[in-house]
Protein backbone atom coordinates (compact mmCIF):
# COMPACT_ATOMS: atom_id res chain seq x y z
CA MET A 1 -84.74 -39.32 -17.92
CA ILE A 2 -88.72 -38.61 -16.62
CA ASN A 3 -92.35 -39.74 -18.07
CA SER A 4 -94.40 -36.64 -17.79
CA THR A 5 -97.23 -39.04 -17.85
CA SER A 6 -99.79 -36.58 -16.56
CA LEU A 7 -98.75 -33.46 -18.70
CA ARG A 8 -100.83 -33.07 -22.20
CA PRO A 9 -98.30 -33.80 -24.49
CA GLY A 10 -99.30 -31.63 -26.98
CA CYS A 11 -97.56 -28.79 -24.40
CA HIS A 12 -95.16 -30.53 -23.30
CA ARG A 13 -93.93 -30.94 -27.25
CA SER A 14 -93.91 -27.59 -27.66
CA VAL A 15 -92.13 -26.88 -24.65
CA LEU A 16 -89.55 -29.32 -25.80
CA GLN A 17 -89.55 -27.50 -29.70
CA GLY A 18 -88.90 -24.46 -27.85
CA VAL A 19 -85.46 -25.77 -26.03
CA GLN A 20 -84.20 -26.46 -29.61
CA ARG A 21 -85.26 -23.26 -30.28
CA CYS A 22 -83.23 -21.51 -27.32
CA ARG A 23 -80.72 -24.02 -27.49
CA GLY A 24 -78.01 -23.49 -30.00
CA PRO A 25 -75.24 -25.20 -29.60
CA ALA A 26 -75.24 -24.49 -25.92
CA GLN A 27 -74.91 -27.16 -22.92
CA VAL A 28 -77.60 -28.43 -20.88
CA GLY A 29 -76.94 -26.24 -17.76
CA ILE A 30 -77.12 -23.14 -19.65
CA VAL A 31 -79.92 -24.42 -21.93
CA THR A 32 -81.70 -24.71 -17.60
CA ARG A 33 -80.60 -21.28 -17.06
CA ALA A 34 -82.26 -20.34 -20.28
CA PHE A 35 -85.52 -21.85 -19.78
CA SER A 36 -86.06 -20.38 -16.14
CA ALA A 37 -84.85 -16.61 -17.45
CA SER A 38 -84.82 -16.57 -21.58
CA LYS A 39 -86.19 -12.86 -21.77
CA LYS A 40 -84.09 -12.25 -24.45
CA THR A 41 -85.98 -12.81 -27.90
CA ALA A 42 -89.94 -13.27 -29.15
CA SER A 43 -89.47 -16.93 -29.46
CA CYS A 44 -87.99 -17.74 -25.57
CA ARG A 45 -90.74 -15.69 -24.35
CA ARG A 46 -93.68 -17.44 -26.13
CA LEU A 47 -91.81 -20.79 -24.28
CA LYS A 48 -91.70 -19.13 -21.02
CA LEU A 49 -95.56 -18.62 -21.67
CA GLN A 50 -95.90 -22.61 -22.80
CA GLN A 51 -94.50 -23.57 -19.80
CA SER A 52 -96.80 -21.30 -17.49
CA LYS A 53 -99.75 -23.11 -20.04
CA VAL A 54 -98.48 -26.44 -18.58
CA SER A 55 -97.92 -25.72 -15.27
CA ALA A 56 -101.53 -24.83 -15.16
CA SER A 57 -102.55 -27.77 -16.83
CA ALA A 58 -100.57 -30.09 -14.19
CA HIS A 59 -102.03 -28.44 -11.96
CA GLN A 60 -105.75 -29.05 -13.35
CA GLN A 61 -104.98 -32.59 -14.01
CA PRO A 62 -103.14 -34.19 -10.51
CA SER A 63 -103.99 -38.10 -11.57
CA VAL A 64 -101.05 -40.77 -12.59
CA SER A 65 -101.76 -42.07 -16.21
CA ALA A 66 -99.95 -43.94 -18.39
CA ALA A 67 -96.41 -43.11 -19.64
CA ALA A 68 -96.05 -40.72 -22.78
CA VAL A 69 -93.44 -38.08 -23.22
CA SER A 70 -90.12 -38.12 -21.97
CA VAL A 71 -88.40 -35.01 -20.53
CA PRO A 72 -83.98 -35.60 -19.86
CA VAL A 73 -83.97 -34.49 -16.07
CA GLU A 74 -81.19 -31.98 -16.98
CA GLN A 75 -82.96 -29.94 -19.42
CA LEU A 76 -85.78 -28.65 -16.55
CA SER A 77 -85.52 -25.81 -14.49
CA ASP A 78 -85.79 -25.94 -10.97
CA ALA A 79 -89.55 -25.05 -11.29
CA GLY A 80 -89.92 -27.92 -13.32
CA ARG A 81 -88.30 -30.88 -12.29
CA GLN A 82 -90.47 -28.97 -8.66
CA GLN A 83 -93.60 -29.62 -10.66
CA LEU A 84 -93.14 -32.95 -11.51
CA ALA A 85 -92.13 -34.00 -8.41
CA HIS A 86 -95.48 -33.26 -6.91
CA GLN A 87 -96.56 -35.10 -10.01
CA TYR A 88 -95.62 -38.66 -9.28
CA GLY A 89 -95.32 -37.96 -5.24
CA TYR A 90 -91.94 -36.46 -4.58
CA THR A 91 -90.96 -33.64 -2.44
CA LYS A 92 -88.06 -32.72 -4.85
CA ILE A 93 -86.55 -34.14 -7.96
CA GLY A 94 -82.37 -33.45 -7.83
CA LYS A 95 -80.12 -32.13 -10.54
CA GLN A 96 -78.44 -34.28 -12.66
CA LEU A 97 -74.73 -34.81 -11.22
CA PRO A 98 -72.21 -33.17 -12.69
CA ASP A 99 -69.48 -36.39 -14.14
CA ASP A 100 -66.91 -34.67 -12.60
CA VAL A 101 -68.14 -36.18 -9.27
CA THR A 102 -67.05 -39.18 -8.33
CA LEU A 103 -67.67 -41.46 -4.91
CA SER A 104 -64.72 -40.49 -3.43
CA HIS A 105 -65.42 -36.88 -3.23
CA ILE A 106 -69.32 -37.74 -1.73
CA VAL A 107 -67.61 -39.95 1.42
CA LYS A 108 -64.95 -37.45 1.77
CA SER A 109 -67.71 -34.75 2.45
CA MET A 110 -68.98 -36.50 5.16
CA PRO A 111 -67.47 -36.42 9.07
CA SER A 112 -65.61 -39.11 10.09
CA GLN A 113 -67.69 -39.79 12.83
CA VAL A 114 -70.45 -41.32 10.95
CA PHE A 115 -68.27 -44.56 10.61
CA ASP A 116 -67.44 -45.06 14.08
CA ILE A 117 -68.85 -47.85 15.27
CA ASN A 118 -70.40 -47.83 19.37
CA PRO A 119 -71.38 -50.78 20.52
CA TRP A 120 -73.56 -49.68 23.24
CA LYS A 121 -75.90 -48.43 20.19
CA ALA A 122 -75.11 -51.43 17.88
CA TRP A 123 -76.54 -53.78 20.84
CA SER A 124 -79.68 -51.19 21.94
CA ALA A 125 -80.55 -52.43 18.61
CA VAL A 126 -80.95 -55.49 20.02
CA ALA A 127 -82.35 -55.05 22.90
CA ILE A 128 -85.24 -52.91 20.85
CA THR A 129 -86.03 -55.54 18.12
CA LEU A 130 -86.21 -58.67 21.09
CA SER A 131 -88.53 -56.07 23.22
CA SER A 132 -90.59 -54.98 20.32
CA VAL A 133 -90.93 -58.38 18.66
CA ALA A 134 -91.77 -60.10 22.27
CA ALA A 135 -94.38 -57.30 22.76
CA SER A 136 -95.85 -58.26 18.90
CA LEU A 137 -96.18 -61.42 19.76
CA TYR A 138 -98.11 -60.60 23.28
CA LEU A 139 -100.46 -58.54 21.07
CA ILE A 140 -100.69 -61.43 18.49
CA ALA A 141 -102.12 -63.73 21.28
CA ILE A 142 -104.41 -60.88 23.22
CA ALA A 143 -106.07 -59.22 20.32
CA PRO A 144 -109.29 -59.81 19.30
CA TRP A 145 -109.83 -61.26 15.72
CA TYR A 146 -111.17 -57.36 14.11
CA LEU A 147 -107.44 -56.24 15.72
CA LEU A 148 -105.25 -59.18 14.26
CA PRO A 149 -104.50 -56.94 11.67
CA LEU A 150 -103.48 -53.90 13.63
CA ALA A 151 -100.91 -56.57 15.63
CA TRP A 152 -100.12 -58.25 12.41
CA ALA A 153 -98.92 -54.81 11.26
CA PHE A 154 -96.87 -53.92 14.06
CA ALA A 155 -95.39 -57.44 14.20
CA GLY A 156 -94.12 -57.45 10.79
CA THR A 157 -92.48 -53.67 11.19
CA ALA A 158 -90.34 -54.89 14.69
CA TRP A 159 -89.23 -58.45 12.38
CA THR A 160 -87.59 -55.80 10.27
CA GLY A 161 -85.23 -54.83 12.82
CA PHE A 162 -83.92 -58.62 12.73
CA PHE A 163 -83.07 -57.65 9.12
CA VAL A 164 -81.46 -54.45 10.37
CA VAL A 165 -78.74 -55.78 12.78
CA GLY A 166 -78.17 -58.50 10.61
CA HIS A 167 -77.65 -55.92 7.10
CA ASP A 168 -75.30 -54.01 10.12
CA CYS A 169 -73.51 -57.14 10.52
CA GLY A 170 -73.02 -58.07 6.81
CA HIS A 171 -71.39 -54.70 5.75
CA ARG A 172 -69.49 -54.84 8.63
CA ALA A 173 -71.04 -51.95 10.56
CA PHE A 174 -71.56 -54.04 13.39
CA SER A 175 -68.74 -54.58 15.45
CA LYS A 176 -65.34 -54.52 15.22
CA ASN A 177 -65.13 -58.24 15.58
CA LYS A 178 -65.74 -60.14 12.15
CA LEU A 179 -66.83 -63.43 14.06
CA VAL A 180 -69.25 -61.63 16.32
CA GLU A 181 -70.78 -60.28 13.18
CA ASP A 182 -71.12 -63.61 11.52
CA VAL A 183 -72.89 -65.39 14.14
CA VAL A 184 -75.16 -61.96 15.63
CA GLY A 185 -75.66 -61.63 11.69
CA THR A 186 -76.74 -65.41 11.53
CA LEU A 187 -79.21 -65.34 14.34
CA MET A 188 -80.61 -62.36 13.63
CA PHE A 189 -81.99 -63.64 10.25
CA ALA A 190 -82.68 -67.56 11.41
CA PRO A 191 -86.33 -66.27 12.34
CA LEU A 192 -87.17 -64.93 8.89
CA ILE A 193 -85.70 -68.07 7.67
CA TYR A 194 -82.81 -65.41 5.37
CA PRO A 195 -79.63 -67.44 5.01
CA PHE A 196 -77.18 -64.47 6.26
CA GLU A 197 -73.97 -65.82 4.29
CA PRO A 198 -75.79 -66.00 0.42
CA TRP A 199 -77.74 -63.07 1.14
CA ARG A 200 -74.51 -60.81 2.28
CA ILE A 201 -72.85 -62.04 -0.87
CA LYS A 202 -75.70 -61.20 -3.29
CA HIS A 203 -76.20 -57.80 -1.27
CA ASN A 204 -72.69 -56.57 -1.59
CA ILE A 205 -73.35 -57.00 -5.21
CA HIS A 206 -76.32 -54.57 -5.31
CA HIS A 207 -74.42 -52.36 -3.36
CA ALA A 208 -71.44 -52.55 -6.26
CA HIS A 209 -73.71 -52.38 -9.06
CA THR A 210 -76.56 -50.57 -8.08
CA ASN A 211 -79.13 -49.19 -10.76
CA LYS A 212 -77.11 -51.48 -13.41
CA LEU A 213 -79.81 -52.94 -15.41
CA VAL A 214 -78.19 -56.52 -15.45
CA GLU A 215 -75.99 -56.81 -12.77
CA ASP A 216 -78.07 -55.26 -10.09
CA THR A 217 -79.32 -57.93 -7.29
CA ALA A 218 -81.63 -56.13 -5.67
CA TRP A 219 -83.88 -55.38 -8.43
CA HIS A 220 -84.11 -53.97 -12.29
CA PRO A 221 -86.38 -53.13 -14.40
CA VAL A 222 -88.35 -55.98 -16.87
CA SER A 223 -86.61 -55.26 -20.34
CA LYS A 224 -88.72 -55.44 -23.57
CA GLU A 225 -87.41 -58.85 -25.02
CA GLU A 226 -88.34 -60.73 -21.29
CA LEU A 227 -91.83 -58.97 -21.83
CA ASP A 228 -91.79 -60.46 -25.30
CA GLN A 229 -91.01 -64.11 -23.83
CA TRP A 230 -93.61 -63.82 -21.40
CA LYS A 231 -96.44 -63.99 -24.02
CA GLY A 232 -99.25 -66.14 -23.42
CA THR A 233 -97.32 -68.09 -20.63
CA PHE A 234 -98.27 -68.67 -16.68
CA LYS A 235 -94.43 -67.33 -15.69
CA GLY A 236 -95.70 -64.30 -17.51
CA TRP A 237 -99.14 -63.52 -16.42
CA LEU A 238 -97.67 -64.17 -12.30
CA PHE A 239 -94.71 -61.59 -13.08
CA LYS A 240 -97.02 -59.04 -14.63
CA THR A 241 -99.45 -59.58 -11.78
CA PHE A 242 -97.42 -59.18 -8.87
CA LEU A 243 -95.06 -56.48 -10.77
CA GLY A 244 -97.51 -54.19 -11.95
CA SER A 245 -99.92 -54.43 -8.57
CA PRO A 246 -99.24 -53.49 -4.86
CA LEU A 247 -98.60 -57.48 -4.78
CA LYS A 248 -95.03 -56.10 -5.68
CA SER A 249 -94.42 -54.66 -1.88
CA TRP A 250 -94.42 -58.44 -1.39
CA ALA A 251 -92.19 -58.95 -4.33
CA SER A 252 -89.56 -59.92 -2.00
CA VAL A 253 -90.86 -63.60 -1.40
CA GLY A 254 -89.91 -64.59 -4.74
CA HIS A 255 -86.58 -63.08 -4.93
CA TRP A 256 -85.99 -64.83 -1.42
CA LEU A 257 -86.85 -68.05 -2.75
CA ILE A 258 -84.76 -67.98 -5.82
CA TRP A 259 -81.55 -66.24 -4.90
CA HIS A 260 -80.89 -67.24 -1.78
CA PHE A 261 -80.95 -71.22 -1.51
CA ASP A 262 -79.62 -72.24 -4.47
CA LEU A 263 -75.95 -73.56 -4.01
CA THR A 264 -74.94 -73.34 -7.62
CA LYS A 265 -75.29 -69.52 -7.59
CA TYR A 266 -72.13 -69.58 -5.42
CA THR A 267 -68.58 -70.38 -5.66
CA ASP A 268 -66.43 -73.36 -4.73
CA LYS A 269 -64.84 -70.67 -2.22
CA GLN A 270 -68.18 -69.52 -0.55
CA GLN A 271 -70.28 -72.63 -0.47
CA ASP A 272 -68.68 -74.01 3.20
CA ARG A 273 -69.33 -70.75 4.53
CA VAL A 274 -72.93 -70.62 2.96
CA LYS A 275 -73.92 -73.90 3.92
CA ILE A 276 -73.37 -72.99 7.72
CA SER A 277 -75.95 -70.08 7.19
CA LEU A 278 -78.46 -72.59 5.55
CA ALA A 279 -78.08 -75.10 8.07
CA ALA A 280 -78.64 -72.45 11.07
CA VAL A 281 -81.79 -71.21 8.88
CA TYR A 282 -82.94 -75.18 8.19
CA ALA A 283 -82.24 -75.77 12.38
CA PHE A 284 -84.47 -72.97 13.06
CA MET A 285 -87.04 -74.34 11.23
CA GLY A 286 -86.39 -77.39 12.25
CA ILE A 287 -86.92 -76.60 15.68
CA ALA A 288 -89.43 -73.42 15.76
CA PHE A 289 -91.64 -74.76 13.20
CA PRO A 290 -93.08 -77.93 14.69
CA THR A 291 -93.08 -76.21 18.20
CA ILE A 292 -95.28 -73.54 17.19
CA ILE A 293 -97.78 -76.14 15.90
CA TYR A 294 -97.78 -78.27 18.75
CA TYR A 295 -98.84 -75.87 20.87
CA THR A 296 -101.04 -73.75 18.62
CA GLY A 297 -101.87 -75.58 15.70
CA ILE A 298 -101.69 -74.73 12.20
CA LEU A 299 -103.90 -71.73 12.45
CA GLY A 300 -101.70 -70.69 15.46
CA PHE A 301 -98.67 -71.27 12.49
CA LEU A 302 -100.09 -68.63 10.55
CA LYS A 303 -101.18 -66.38 13.36
CA PHE A 304 -97.52 -66.03 15.30
CA TRP A 305 -95.18 -66.79 12.22
CA VAL A 306 -96.88 -66.54 8.54
CA MET A 307 -98.47 -63.35 8.90
CA PRO A 308 -95.40 -61.30 10.49
CA TRP A 309 -93.39 -62.92 8.47
CA LEU A 310 -95.30 -61.43 5.24
CA GLY A 311 -95.46 -58.26 7.46
CA TYR A 312 -91.40 -58.33 6.88
CA HIS A 313 -91.82 -58.94 3.21
CA PHE A 314 -93.87 -55.83 3.01
CA TRP A 315 -91.30 -53.74 4.37
CA MET A 316 -88.35 -55.21 2.97
CA SER A 317 -89.94 -54.97 -0.61
CA THR A 318 -91.46 -51.51 -0.27
CA PHE A 319 -88.07 -50.51 1.00
CA THR A 320 -86.56 -51.71 -2.00
CA VAL A 321 -88.57 -50.39 -4.96
CA VAL A 322 -89.17 -47.00 -2.82
CA HIS A 323 -85.52 -46.53 -2.76
CA HIS A 324 -84.25 -47.90 -5.86
CA THR A 325 -87.35 -47.24 -8.70
CA ALA A 326 -88.57 -43.30 -10.00
CA PRO A 327 -90.27 -42.25 -13.25
CA HIS A 328 -86.78 -40.05 -13.89
CA ILE A 329 -83.84 -42.97 -12.49
CA PRO A 330 -82.27 -44.92 -14.85
CA PHE A 331 -81.44 -48.40 -14.96
CA LYS A 332 -78.03 -48.19 -17.29
CA ASP A 333 -75.59 -50.56 -18.99
CA ALA A 334 -72.69 -51.10 -17.27
CA LYS A 335 -70.51 -48.91 -19.91
CA GLU A 336 -72.96 -46.09 -19.16
CA TRP A 337 -73.24 -46.18 -15.54
CA ASP A 338 -71.34 -43.89 -13.04
CA ALA A 339 -71.05 -44.94 -9.41
CA ALA A 340 -71.20 -40.98 -7.93
CA GLN A 341 -74.89 -40.83 -9.74
CA ALA A 342 -76.15 -43.66 -9.02
CA GLN A 343 -75.52 -44.24 -5.11
CA LEU A 344 -76.30 -40.61 -4.80
CA SER A 345 -78.97 -39.42 -7.49
CA GLY A 346 -80.07 -42.95 -7.91
CA THR A 347 -81.06 -43.61 -4.40
CA VAL A 348 -84.59 -41.84 -3.05
CA HIS A 349 -84.73 -40.83 0.58
CA CYS A 350 -87.98 -41.45 1.73
CA ASP A 351 -89.68 -40.73 4.88
CA PHE A 352 -91.94 -42.73 6.78
CA PRO A 353 -93.77 -42.57 9.91
CA ARG A 354 -91.58 -42.22 12.62
CA TRP A 355 -92.81 -45.35 14.71
CA VAL A 356 -91.54 -47.41 11.78
CA GLU A 357 -88.66 -45.62 11.49
CA PHE A 358 -87.89 -46.20 14.99
CA LEU A 359 -88.38 -49.93 14.58
CA THR A 360 -86.68 -50.54 11.67
CA HIS A 361 -83.40 -48.76 12.85
CA ASP A 362 -83.41 -45.81 9.89
CA ILE A 363 -83.13 -48.30 7.32
CA SER A 364 -85.00 -45.93 5.29
CA VAL A 365 -82.25 -43.17 5.92
CA HIS A 366 -80.93 -45.11 2.70
CA VAL A 367 -78.84 -42.47 0.42
CA PRO A 368 -76.13 -42.18 3.02
CA HIS A 369 -76.07 -46.11 3.05
CA HIS A 370 -75.38 -45.89 -0.55
CA VAL A 371 -72.67 -43.75 -0.18
CA ALA A 372 -70.88 -46.16 2.26
CA SER A 373 -72.35 -48.97 2.87
CA LYS A 374 -70.26 -48.98 6.47
CA ILE A 375 -72.05 -46.35 8.27
CA PRO A 376 -74.26 -47.69 11.32
CA TRP A 377 -77.25 -47.34 11.33
CA TYR A 378 -77.20 -44.99 14.40
CA ASN A 379 -75.36 -42.47 12.27
CA LEU A 380 -77.38 -42.21 8.93
CA ARG A 381 -79.19 -39.45 10.00
CA MET A 382 -75.80 -37.36 10.88
CA ALA A 383 -74.58 -38.42 7.47
CA ASN A 384 -77.74 -37.82 5.35
CA ASP A 385 -77.58 -33.95 7.17
CA SER A 386 -73.90 -33.54 5.56
CA LEU A 387 -74.93 -35.02 2.25
CA ARG A 388 -78.53 -32.93 2.28
CA LYS A 389 -75.51 -29.79 3.25
CA ASN A 390 -73.37 -30.20 0.30
CA TRP A 391 -75.06 -32.22 -2.42
CA GLY A 392 -78.42 -32.14 -1.75
CA GLN A 393 -79.51 -30.38 -4.83
CA TYR A 394 -78.41 -33.23 -7.01
CA MET A 395 -81.20 -35.60 -4.20
CA THR A 396 -84.31 -36.91 -4.65
CA GLU A 397 -86.64 -36.77 -1.13
CA CYS A 398 -90.24 -37.94 -1.19
CA ARG A 399 -92.74 -39.33 1.86
CA PHE A 400 -94.41 -42.61 1.96
CA ASN A 401 -97.59 -41.75 0.04
CA TRP A 402 -100.31 -43.22 -2.29
CA ARG A 403 -99.61 -41.22 -5.50
CA MET A 404 -95.79 -42.34 -5.60
CA MET A 405 -96.40 -46.10 -4.55
CA LYS A 406 -99.39 -45.59 -7.45
CA THR A 407 -96.93 -44.85 -9.74
CA ILE A 408 -94.64 -47.52 -9.15
CA PHE A 409 -97.43 -50.28 -9.27
CA THR A 410 -98.75 -49.28 -12.15
CA GLU A 411 -96.29 -47.16 -14.60
CA LEU A 412 -92.82 -48.33 -13.44
CA HIS A 413 -92.21 -51.91 -15.24
CA VAL A 414 -90.31 -51.82 -18.58
CA TYR A 415 -86.92 -50.44 -18.88
CA ASP A 416 -87.19 -48.06 -22.20
CA GLU A 417 -83.28 -46.44 -23.02
CA GLU A 418 -85.47 -43.08 -24.39
CA LYS A 419 -88.19 -42.69 -21.62
CA THR A 420 -86.66 -44.80 -18.52
CA TYR A 421 -89.52 -46.58 -17.58
CA VAL A 422 -92.62 -47.51 -19.77
CA PRO A 423 -95.59 -49.81 -18.02
CA PHE A 424 -96.50 -53.28 -19.03
CA ASP A 425 -99.39 -52.49 -21.28
CA PHE A 426 -97.34 -49.76 -23.06
CA LYS A 427 -98.41 -50.78 -26.47
CA LYS A 428 -102.24 -50.84 -25.71
CA GLU A 429 -103.71 -50.35 -22.27
CA GLU A 430 -105.10 -53.66 -20.65
CA PRO A 431 -107.58 -53.89 -18.19
CA PHE A 432 -105.32 -55.11 -15.58
CA LEU A 433 -103.92 -51.60 -15.25
CA GLN A 434 -106.67 -50.11 -16.00
CA PHE A 435 -108.35 -50.36 -13.32
CA GLN A 436 -105.72 -50.10 -10.86
CA ARG A 437 -105.47 -46.53 -12.17
CA LYS A 438 -108.50 -46.00 -11.86
CA VAL A 439 -109.37 -47.39 -8.13
CA LEU A 440 -105.95 -46.37 -6.30
CA PRO A 441 -105.54 -44.01 -4.20
CA ASN A 442 -104.06 -40.91 -5.78
CA MET A 443 -103.18 -39.16 -2.27
CA TYR A 444 -100.33 -36.49 -1.81
CA ARG A 445 -99.85 -34.02 0.50
CA GLN A 446 -97.24 -31.42 -0.88
CA PRO A 447 -95.04 -30.17 1.73
CA SER A 448 -95.33 -26.20 2.87
CA VAL A 449 -92.57 -24.03 0.99
């Protein structure tokens, strides 16, 4: 469901009342067609006029404001969905996937070649990452102080390649030899201080329960009960500051610390492998950190490791929230959850700058990865082309832009059954969020038709 915040509430209520007048006993799909082409009755003609007024109002008021009115996606015409997509910085918002479509149907619609493992392409990612990381460290070493932010941005993006190679290993999409995957995954994750096996276990849970309210281990909205418990606490201030601002693009640092080093989160059967991954990480820290500090000092350690590591976490966090957070995409209770809807329609495809996609090995081509996680990174574009051809009308897509990120930072915080999301200050606007709504850029370049 969409929180149509930037449209005038009065106009939307009139439109929704018109839906009720025109609907009768008809099903939602019929309502949508009637919505976009209703000419039979005077009431529906008035509804069409009201829709045009809403469109004009939205065009004149492009800024994002606090969530107010909820409109079910399935009740919107194609034009209505497109209008709301542009309001929030998306290229398009997909239709609701029919209930009778299963994830198996979607997987079988893709060519079998997308699952083929090519050792040359797999190892090319290792070579690209190692060479780009080496180049980034050289740039950091020679860059004058005023160019260091650019060098760190390049380094953080290059270091994300470490994660993506290990990510394919964790999904058994790197090699046909599991031992090779375990070794490569462990080594690729070590510079990021990411223990491979704990991540693999928790990440597989994310894929099995994508967009479930409680079970998803990657990210899910705050509940109203949690928000009430946070009142007046340091924890509440900390979480609201990080999750309700651009700092959300580094929230994965907290996730990394909470989920991956606590042995009590793993079964007795899992713990031996978990301990091996932890030992590898600690060994890297014990060797690399003192060496860096010995030769470059504490400032050198911040310069050559901490800043690139934070750059990596920027992409880790940003990819996660962009792919799994949108005003119209609900997190659902397990009883209402549908795998096909969550993986295809509940995952957002986002185009990033091409140099970012190159260094991060197309991890941003994320919908096919959620439809079938064993697709290697170098086949994701082929799989995505197939999904667009067969299921594109149900997919949500965007280009990385400020308007979308502003919506995520300032509006999409707390789970709401009717509106999907409401902001932290849904009861009364708070100065911290009010300030961000005024000053954060709202730039969005509408794609040409």
